Amino acid sequence: MPVWVKAQTTDAEIADKQQEIAEITEKIAELDAKRANTAAEADAIAIALERLKSTLRKAELELEKTTVAVKRVQLDQKQTQQAAEEVTQSISEKRTQLMSLLRQLYSFEQESFVRLLFDSQSLSDVLLQRNAYQILQERAVKVITDMHAEEKKLEEQKAKLEEQEGDLGELQTLLSAQKQELASQKTQQNQFLQEKKEKQAKFEQLIVEAQAAREEINQQIFTLESGRVKVSLKTAVDMAKFAGSVTGVRPAIIMAVLKIETGVGTNLGRGVFPDNIPLVKNRDAFLRITKKLGLDPYATPISRSGAMGPAQIMPTTWEGMEPRIAQLMKKPLVNPYELSDAFVATAVFLADKGATTPVKEAEALQRYVGGKYWESQSWYSAKVMAVAKEYEQQGL
């Protein structure tokens, strides 16, 4: 297949993949919005539940009051019942007493006054007997009066008992209804909150799956663009994050520089030593570096201007930064052709030029590519910034 046909095919595949990413990104945004909305609803329900808890606490106090009232009525009922039983017993005793009095009165009434005079030894005996009869009558009348009073009292207590039974029934019905209603409300609210949480978790899972799909497509684009991949996209991202963490430079900027310079280490240049290293000091530095690393200087790839490795750093510049790179990487020997070292080298260079603050990023990038002629390199900083923005949108 001709090279130009292959390039067109690759470009078309990349375009298709980028369209897929755009669609997935849009889907993620929609899912995220739904998740946020569901989370807000869940928060509102949680707040409502807290309010309901307060209402329930108040209602529980009311239930306690109702329970106390029920117990009080039950106690009153018991006391009233006991009093009624005592009155009933008293009435029964008075009836027995009355029957005895009536029998005695009847016995007196059966004897005539004349016979009483003849049978008695003296008039005083007669008077005593008549007085006893009178006392019996008075006692009988009092017993009858007391019985009527106690019977009336018994009727009142029975009426009171019926009223208390009615109150108790109403209170118990109210108590049961309040408990059922409050329990029902709490159950419904908890179920609703659980549903919202489950829906939110579902959206989060869908987002995770969509992000994973997007990351996979990004890796496919990464593969297509570079032609041959020495490292996975995730590993490259991790390297950029590490370099950023030890220097203070944005990881997306570091990643973008290596992407533009060499396709993150996939195109190290077609220059050869010594032809493409014009300055003697750079030639000497290159020889020292390759010797230290055990590399053949004539077979080691460089750019047409003599820059080395994935970060495309000039030999003398590398030697100047080498001790700091080794310190940050925590190893005695660092290599401009090793991708992880190249990431840190790029970050160190940019940090030295001020890229740790946003306002100095563009200048640092222009100095990275242009050296002392940096002021005319705004095209480069704009290009890096655009690529960095894409990486940040992908989560870097």
Protein backbone atom coordinates (compact mmCIF):
# COMPACT_ATOMS: atom_id res chain seq x y z
CA MET A 1 0.00 0.00 0.00
CA PRO A 2 1.42 3.43 -0.93
CA VAL A 3 2.50 5.56 2.06
CA TRP A 4 0.07 8.37 1.21
CA VAL A 5 -2.86 5.90 1.10
CA LYS A 6 -1.82 4.48 4.47
CA ALA A 7 -1.59 8.01 5.90
CA GLN A 8 -5.04 8.87 4.61
CA THR A 9 -6.45 5.68 6.15
CA THR A 10 -4.81 6.47 9.49
CA ASP A 11 -6.11 10.05 9.42
CA ALA A 12 -9.63 8.79 8.71
CA GLU A 13 -9.39 6.28 11.55
CA ILE A 14 -8.16 8.99 13.90
CA ALA A 15 -11.02 11.27 12.85
CA ASP A 16 -13.52 8.47 13.51
CA LYS A 17 -12.01 7.81 16.92
CA GLN A 18 -12.04 11.50 17.77
CA GLN A 19 -15.73 11.64 16.81
CA GLU A 20 -16.36 8.68 19.12
CA ILE A 21 -14.57 10.52 21.92
CA ALA A 22 -16.66 13.63 21.31
CA GLU A 23 -19.85 11.56 21.51
CA ILE A 24 -18.73 9.74 24.65
CA THR A 25 -17.63 13.03 26.25
CA GLU A 26 -21.07 14.47 25.52
CA LYS A 27 -22.69 11.37 27.00
CA ILE A 28 -20.50 11.67 30.10
CA ALA A 29 -21.54 15.31 30.49
CA GLU A 30 -25.22 14.32 30.24
CA LEU A 31 -24.78 11.50 32.75
CA ASP A 32 -22.84 13.79 35.06
CA ALA A 33 -25.65 16.36 34.89
CA LYS A 34 -28.22 13.67 35.67
CA ARG A 35 -26.05 12.40 38.49
CA ALA A 36 -25.71 15.92 39.89
CA ASN A 37 -29.46 16.41 39.62
CA THR A 38 -30.10 13.08 41.32
CA ALA A 39 -27.54 13.95 43.99
CA ALA A 40 -29.30 17.27 44.58
CA GLU A 41 -32.62 15.46 44.89
CA ALA A 42 -31.05 12.98 47.30
CA ASP A 43 -29.66 15.88 49.34
CA ALA A 44 -33.10 17.48 49.42
CA ILE A 45 -34.61 14.19 50.58
CA ALA A 46 -31.89 13.86 53.21
CA ILE A 47 -32.73 17.36 54.49
CA ALA A 48 -36.42 16.46 54.47
CA LEU A 49 -35.58 13.31 56.41
CA GLU A 50 -33.75 15.36 59.03
CA ARG A 51 -36.79 17.58 59.34
CA LEU A 52 -38.97 14.49 59.55
CA LYS A 53 -36.74 13.15 62.30
CA SER A 54 -37.38 16.35 64.25
CA THR A 55 -41.10 15.97 63.59
CA LEU A 56 -40.91 12.34 64.64
CA ARG A 57 -39.15 13.28 67.86
CA LYS A 58 -41.92 15.76 68.65
CA ALA A 59 -44.52 13.20 67.69
CA GLU A 60 -42.83 10.63 69.91
CA LEU A 61 -43.13 13.08 72.80
CA GLU A 62 -46.82 13.45 71.98
CA LEU A 63 -47.09 9.68 71.90
CA GLU A 64 -45.44 9.52 75.30
CA LYS A 65 -47.96 12.06 76.61
CA THR A 66 -50.77 10.01 75.12
CA THR A 67 -49.32 6.86 76.67
CA VAL A 68 -49.13 8.58 80.07
CA ALA A 69 -52.73 9.73 79.63
CA VAL A 70 -53.77 6.16 78.81
CA LYS A 71 -52.04 4.86 81.92
CA ARG A 72 -53.64 7.61 84.03
CA VAL A 73 -57.10 6.75 82.71
CA GLN A 74 -56.41 3.07 83.32
CA LEU A 75 -55.41 3.89 86.91
CA ASP A 76 -58.51 6.06 87.36
CA GLN A 77 -60.56 3.21 85.95
CA LYS A 78 -59.06 0.81 88.44
CA GLN A 79 -59.68 3.18 91.33
CA THR A 80 -63.25 3.83 90.19
CA GLN A 81 -63.87 0.11 89.81
CA GLN A 82 -62.46 -0.51 93.28
CA ALA A 83 -64.61 2.27 94.76
CA ALA A 84 -67.69 0.87 93.00
CA GLU A 85 -66.96 -2.57 94.43
CA GLU A 86 -66.60 -1.08 97.91
CA VAL A 87 -69.93 0.76 97.55
CA THR A 88 -71.60 -2.43 96.30
CA GLN A 89 -70.23 -4.29 99.33
CA SER A 90 -71.43 -1.51 101.64
CA ILE A 91 -74.89 -1.60 100.09
CA SER A 92 -75.01 -5.37 100.55
CA GLU A 93 -74.03 -5.02 104.21
CA LYS A 94 -76.63 -2.32 104.76
CA ARG A 95 -79.29 -4.48 103.18
CA THR A 96 -78.43 -7.27 105.62
CA GLN A 97 -78.51 -4.76 108.46
CA LEU A 98 -81.85 -3.40 107.24
CA MET A 99 -83.36 -6.88 107.05
CA SER A 100 -82.36 -7.47 110.67
CA LEU A 101 -83.88 -4.16 111.75
CA LEU A 102 -87.07 -4.82 109.85
CA ARG A 103 -87.44 -8.22 111.51
CA GLN A 104 -87.02 -6.62 114.93
CA LEU A 105 -89.55 -3.92 114.09
CA TYR A 106 -91.96 -6.52 112.86
CA SER A 107 -91.60 -8.41 116.13
CA PHE A 108 -92.40 -5.23 118.11
CA GLU A 109 -95.37 -4.48 115.94
CA GLN A 110 -96.89 -7.91 116.61
CA GLU A 111 -97.32 -7.16 120.33
CA SER A 112 -100.16 -4.85 121.41
CA PHE A 113 -99.50 -1.98 123.76
CA VAL A 114 -101.98 -3.35 126.36
CA ARG A 115 -100.31 -6.74 126.41
CA LEU A 116 -96.99 -5.02 126.77
CA LEU A 117 -98.29 -3.22 129.87
CA PHE A 118 -99.49 -6.45 131.49
CA ASP A 119 -96.32 -8.41 130.69
CA SER A 120 -93.94 -5.70 131.89
CA GLN A 121 -92.95 -5.44 135.54
CA SER A 122 -93.11 -1.68 135.54
CA LEU A 123 -93.97 1.34 133.46
CA SER A 124 -90.33 2.09 132.99
CA ASP A 125 -89.88 -1.27 131.23
CA VAL A 126 -92.68 -0.31 128.87
CA LEU A 127 -91.10 3.04 128.15
CA LEU A 128 -87.73 1.41 127.57
CA GLN A 129 -89.26 -1.02 125.11
CA ARG A 130 -91.05 1.77 123.27
CA ASN A 131 -87.82 3.76 123.17
CA ALA A 132 -85.96 0.75 121.75
CA TYR A 133 -88.64 0.43 119.07
CA GLN A 134 -88.21 4.08 118.19
CA ILE A 135 -84.46 3.67 117.95
CA LEU A 136 -84.92 0.68 115.64
CA GLN A 137 -87.16 2.77 113.40
CA GLU A 138 -84.63 5.61 113.25
CA ARG A 139 -81.83 3.20 112.49
CA ALA A 140 -83.86 1.57 109.75
CA VAL A 141 -84.63 4.97 108.23
CA LYS A 142 -80.91 5.92 108.35
CA VAL A 143 -79.88 2.64 106.75
CA ILE A 144 -82.42 3.17 103.97
CA THR A 145 -81.22 6.78 103.48
CA ASP A 146 -77.57 5.66 103.38
CA MET A 147 -78.42 2.91 100.92
CA HIS A 148 -80.13 5.39 98.61
CA ALA A 149 -77.09 7.70 98.82
CA GLU A 150 -74.66 4.87 98.08
CA GLU A 151 -76.81 3.54 95.25
CA LYS A 152 -76.72 7.03 93.73
CA LYS A 153 -72.96 7.15 94.25
CA LEU A 154 -72.64 3.74 92.61
CA GLU A 155 -74.59 4.96 89.57
CA GLU A 156 -72.29 7.99 89.32
CA GLN A 157 -69.20 5.79 89.53
CA LYS A 158 -70.60 3.45 86.87
CA ALA A 159 -71.26 6.45 84.62
CA LYS A 160 -67.73 7.71 85.30
CA LEU A 161 -66.35 4.27 84.54
CA GLU A 162 -68.17 4.19 81.21
CA GLU A 163 -66.82 7.66 80.37
CA GLN A 164 -63.28 6.57 81.28
CA GLU A 165 -63.63 3.48 79.13
CA GLY A 166 -64.70 5.70 76.23
CA ASP A 167 -61.73 8.05 76.79
CA LEU A 168 -59.38 5.11 77.00
CA GLY A 169 -60.69 3.67 73.74
CA GLU A 170 -60.25 7.02 71.96
CA LEU A 171 -56.72 7.50 73.33
CA GLN A 172 -55.68 3.99 72.33
CA THR A 173 -57.10 4.48 68.84
CA LEU A 174 -55.25 7.82 68.55
CA LEU A 175 -52.05 6.24 69.80
CA SER A 176 -52.23 3.44 67.26
CA ALA A 177 -53.05 5.81 64.38
CA GLN A 178 -50.17 8.17 65.24
CA LYS A 179 -47.68 5.32 65.40
CA GLN A 180 -48.82 3.89 62.07
CA GLU A 181 -48.80 7.25 60.29
CA LEU A 182 -45.35 8.25 61.51
CA ALA A 183 -43.88 4.83 60.78
CA SER A 184 -45.39 4.94 57.28
CA GLN A 185 -43.93 8.40 56.55
CA LYS A 186 -40.49 7.40 57.74
CA THR A 187 -40.54 4.19 55.71
CA GLN A 188 -41.63 6.03 52.55
CA GLN A 189 -38.95 8.70 52.92
CA ASN A 190 -36.23 6.11 53.52
CA GLN A 191 -37.35 4.11 50.51
CA PHE A 192 -37.34 7.24 48.35
CA LEU A 193 -33.86 8.17 49.54
CA GLN A 194 -32.62 4.64 48.85
CA GLU A 195 -34.05 4.79 45.32
CA LYS A 196 -32.28 8.09 44.71
CA LYS A 197 -28.98 6.71 45.99
CA GLU A 198 -29.31 3.65 43.78
CA LYS A 199 -30.07 5.84 40.76
CA GLN A 200 -27.09 8.06 41.59
CA ALA A 201 -24.83 5.00 41.91
CA LYS A 202 -26.11 3.75 38.56
CA PHE A 203 -25.22 7.06 36.88
CA GLU A 204 -21.79 6.97 38.49
CA GLN A 205 -21.22 3.44 37.17
CA LEU A 206 -22.30 4.51 33.68
CA ILE A 207 -19.91 7.45 33.86
CA VAL A 208 -17.05 5.18 34.94
CA GLU A 209 -17.80 2.84 32.03
CA ALA A 210 -17.99 5.74 29.57
CA GLN A 211 -14.72 7.18 30.88
CA ALA A 212 -13.08 3.78 30.49
CA ALA A 213 -14.34 3.58 26.91
CA ARG A 214 -13.01 7.08 26.23
CA GLU A 215 -9.63 6.17 27.69
CA GLU A 216 -9.48 3.07 25.50
CA ILE A 217 -10.25 5.11 22.38
CA ASN A 218 -7.64 7.69 23.41
CA GLN A 219 -5.12 4.87 23.60
CA GLN A 220 -6.17 3.75 20.11
CA ILE A 221 -5.67 7.31 18.81
CA PHE A 222 -2.34 7.44 20.65
CA THR A 223 -1.36 4.23 18.85
CA LEU A 224 -2.52 5.43 15.42
CA GLU A 225 -0.82 8.82 15.72
CA SER A 226 2.52 7.47 16.89
CA GLY A 227 2.64 4.52 14.50
CA ARG A 228 4.56 2.47 17.07
CA VAL A 229 3.91 2.75 20.78
CA LYS A 230 6.67 2.29 23.30
CA VAL A 231 4.44 3.04 26.26
CA SER A 232 0.74 2.99 27.05
CA LEU A 233 -1.18 6.23 27.30
CA LYS A 234 -1.87 5.57 30.99
CA THR A 235 1.82 5.08 31.72
CA ALA A 236 2.69 8.27 29.84
CA VAL A 237 0.03 10.14 31.81
CA ASP A 238 1.44 8.78 35.07
CA MET A 239 4.93 9.92 34.04
CA ALA A 240 3.62 13.41 33.26
CA LYS A 241 1.85 13.58 36.61
CA PHE A 242 5.00 12.52 38.45
CA ALA A 243 7.13 15.08 36.61
CA GLY A 244 4.55 17.75 37.42
CA SER A 245 4.43 16.77 41.08
CA VAL A 246 8.20 17.15 41.57
CA THR A 247 8.57 20.40 39.62
CA GLY A 248 5.28 22.27 39.93
CA VAL A 249 4.65 22.36 36.17
CA ARG A 250 1.22 21.39 34.85
CA PRO A 251 1.30 17.71 33.74
CA ALA A 252 -0.78 18.51 30.64
CA ILE A 253 1.87 21.01 29.50
CA ILE A 254 4.66 18.45 29.97
CA MET A 255 2.70 15.78 28.10
CA ALA A 256 1.87 18.20 25.27
CA VAL A 257 5.54 19.14 24.77
CA LEU A 258 6.63 15.51 24.41
CA LYS A 259 3.64 14.83 22.16
CA ILE A 260 4.59 17.64 19.80
CA GLU A 261 8.35 17.08 19.94
CA THR A 262 8.52 13.32 19.31
CA GLY A 263 5.04 11.80 19.57
CA VAL A 264 5.96 10.91 23.17
CA GLY A 265 9.17 9.16 22.19
CA THR A 266 8.10 7.51 18.94
CA ASN A 267 10.04 9.77 16.54
CA LEU A 268 13.48 10.65 17.87
CA GLY A 269 14.75 12.19 14.64
CA ARG A 270 16.88 11.15 11.66
CA GLY A 271 19.98 13.18 12.39
CA VAL A 272 23.40 11.56 12.70
CA PHE A 273 26.52 12.30 14.69
CA PRO A 274 28.56 14.37 14.09
CA ASP A 275 27.00 15.94 11.00
CA ASN A 276 23.88 17.24 12.71
CA ILE A 277 25.57 18.66 15.81
CA PRO A 278 27.24 21.83 14.55
CA LEU A 279 28.61 23.20 17.82
CA VAL A 280 31.74 21.58 19.22
CA LYS A 281 30.60 21.96 22.82
CA ASN A 282 27.44 19.99 22.01
CA ARG A 283 29.46 17.32 20.17
CA ASP A 284 31.75 16.90 23.17
CA ALA A 285 28.77 16.77 25.54
CA PHE A 286 27.04 14.18 23.33
CA LEU A 287 30.14 11.97 23.37
CA ARG A 288 30.36 12.19 27.17
CA ILE A 289 26.66 11.32 27.55
CA THR A 290 26.71 8.33 25.17
CA LYS A 291 29.93 7.02 26.73
CA LYS A 292 28.43 7.21 30.22
CA LEU A 293 25.32 5.35 29.00
CA GLY A 294 27.30 2.80 26.96
CA LEU A 295 25.72 3.95 23.69
CA ASP A 296 27.26 4.13 20.22
CA PRO A 297 27.25 7.87 19.37
CA TYR A 298 27.08 7.07 15.66
CA ALA A 299 24.01 4.85 16.04
CA THR A 300 22.19 6.91 18.66
CA PRO A 301 19.31 8.90 17.10
CA ILE A 302 19.29 12.70 17.23
CA SER A 303 17.28 15.43 15.54
CA ARG A 304 18.49 17.44 12.54
CA SER A 305 19.65 20.06 15.04
CA GLY A 306 21.32 17.59 17.44
CA ALA A 307 18.57 17.35 20.11
CA MET A 308 18.34 14.11 22.08
CA GLY A 309 15.57 11.76 23.15
CA PRO A 310 11.81 12.12 23.59
CA ALA A 311 12.21 15.61 25.09
CA GLN A 312 14.55 16.79 22.29
CA ILE A 313 17.06 18.40 24.65
CA MET A 314 20.47 19.62 23.49
CA PRO A 315 23.48 17.75 24.97
CA THR A 316 24.93 20.70 26.91
CA THR A 317 21.50 21.54 28.30
CA TRP A 318 21.06 17.93 29.44
CA GLU A 319 24.43 17.92 31.20
CA GLY A 320 23.48 21.10 33.03
CA MET A 321 20.23 19.58 34.31
CA GLU A 322 21.45 16.00 34.79
CA PRO A 323 22.25 16.20 38.55
CA ARG A 324 18.83 17.64 39.36
CA ILE A 325 17.05 15.09 37.16
CA ALA A 326 18.93 12.28 38.92
CA GLN A 327 18.00 13.74 42.30
CA LEU A 328 14.31 13.95 41.38
CA MET A 329 14.32 10.47 39.84
CA LYS A 330 16.25 9.12 42.85
CA LYS A 331 18.74 7.16 40.76
CA PRO A 332 22.46 7.65 40.05
CA LEU A 333 22.30 7.49 36.26
CA VAL A 334 19.65 9.17 34.12
CA ASN A 335 19.18 8.79 30.39
CA PRO A 336 17.77 11.37 27.92
CA TYR A 337 16.48 8.45 25.83
CA GLU A 338 14.52 6.92 28.70
CA LEU A 339 10.96 8.24 28.59
CA SER A 340 10.46 8.71 32.34
CA ASP A 341 13.72 10.69 32.57
CA ALA A 342 12.71 12.73 29.53
CA PHE A 343 9.42 13.74 31.16
CA VAL A 344 11.26 15.02 34.23
CA ALA A 345 13.87 16.77 32.07
CA THR A 346 11.15 18.65 30.19
CA ALA A 347 9.51 19.63 33.48
CA VAL A 348 12.81 20.82 34.99
CA PHE A 349 13.59 22.96 31.94
CA LEU A 350 10.12 24.53 31.91
CA ALA A 351 10.19 25.12 35.67
CA ASP A 352 13.53 26.91 35.35
CA LYS A 353 11.95 29.20 32.77
CA GLY A 354 9.00 30.06 35.04
CA ALA A 355 6.30 27.58 33.94
CA THR A 356 5.31 26.93 37.55
CA THR A 357 3.03 29.99 37.28
CA PRO A 358 0.33 30.31 34.57
CA VAL A 359 1.44 33.76 33.41
CA LYS A 360 4.93 32.46 32.57
CA GLU A 361 3.92 29.23 30.83
CA ALA A 362 3.85 30.64 27.30
CA GLU A 363 7.27 32.29 27.65
CA ALA A 364 8.78 29.10 29.11
CA LEU A 365 7.44 27.08 26.17
CA GLN A 366 8.83 29.60 23.67
CA ARG A 367 12.24 29.46 25.38
CA TYR A 368 12.06 25.64 25.26
CA VAL A 369 11.99 25.68 21.46
CA GLY A 370 13.60 29.01 20.57
CA GLY A 371 16.33 29.68 23.09
CA LYS A 372 17.46 33.29 22.89
CA TYR A 373 15.11 33.80 19.92
CA TRP A 374 12.09 32.83 22.04
CA GLU A 375 10.07 35.98 21.39
CA SER A 376 9.27 34.90 17.83
CA GLN A 377 8.06 31.43 18.87
CA SER A 378 4.49 32.22 20.00
CA TRP A 379 3.17 29.72 17.43
CA TYR A 380 4.85 26.93 19.43
CA SER A 381 3.40 27.96 22.79
CA ALA A 382 -0.06 28.26 21.21
CA LYS A 383 0.24 24.79 19.72
CA VAL A 384 1.39 23.25 23.03
CA MET A 385 -1.39 25.03 24.93
CA ALA A 386 -4.00 23.65 22.52
CA VAL A 387 -2.74 20.08 22.92
CA ALA A 388 -2.49 20.54 26.71
CA LYS A 389 -6.11 21.65 26.78
CA GLU A 390 -7.14 18.44 25.03
CA TYR A 391 -5.22 16.38 27.58
CA GLU A 392 -6.84 18.26 30.45
CA GLN A 393 -10.28 17.63 28.96
CA GLN A 394 -9.38 13.94 29.01
CA GLY A 395 -8.65 14.17 32.73
CA LEU A 396 -4.91 14.89 32.86
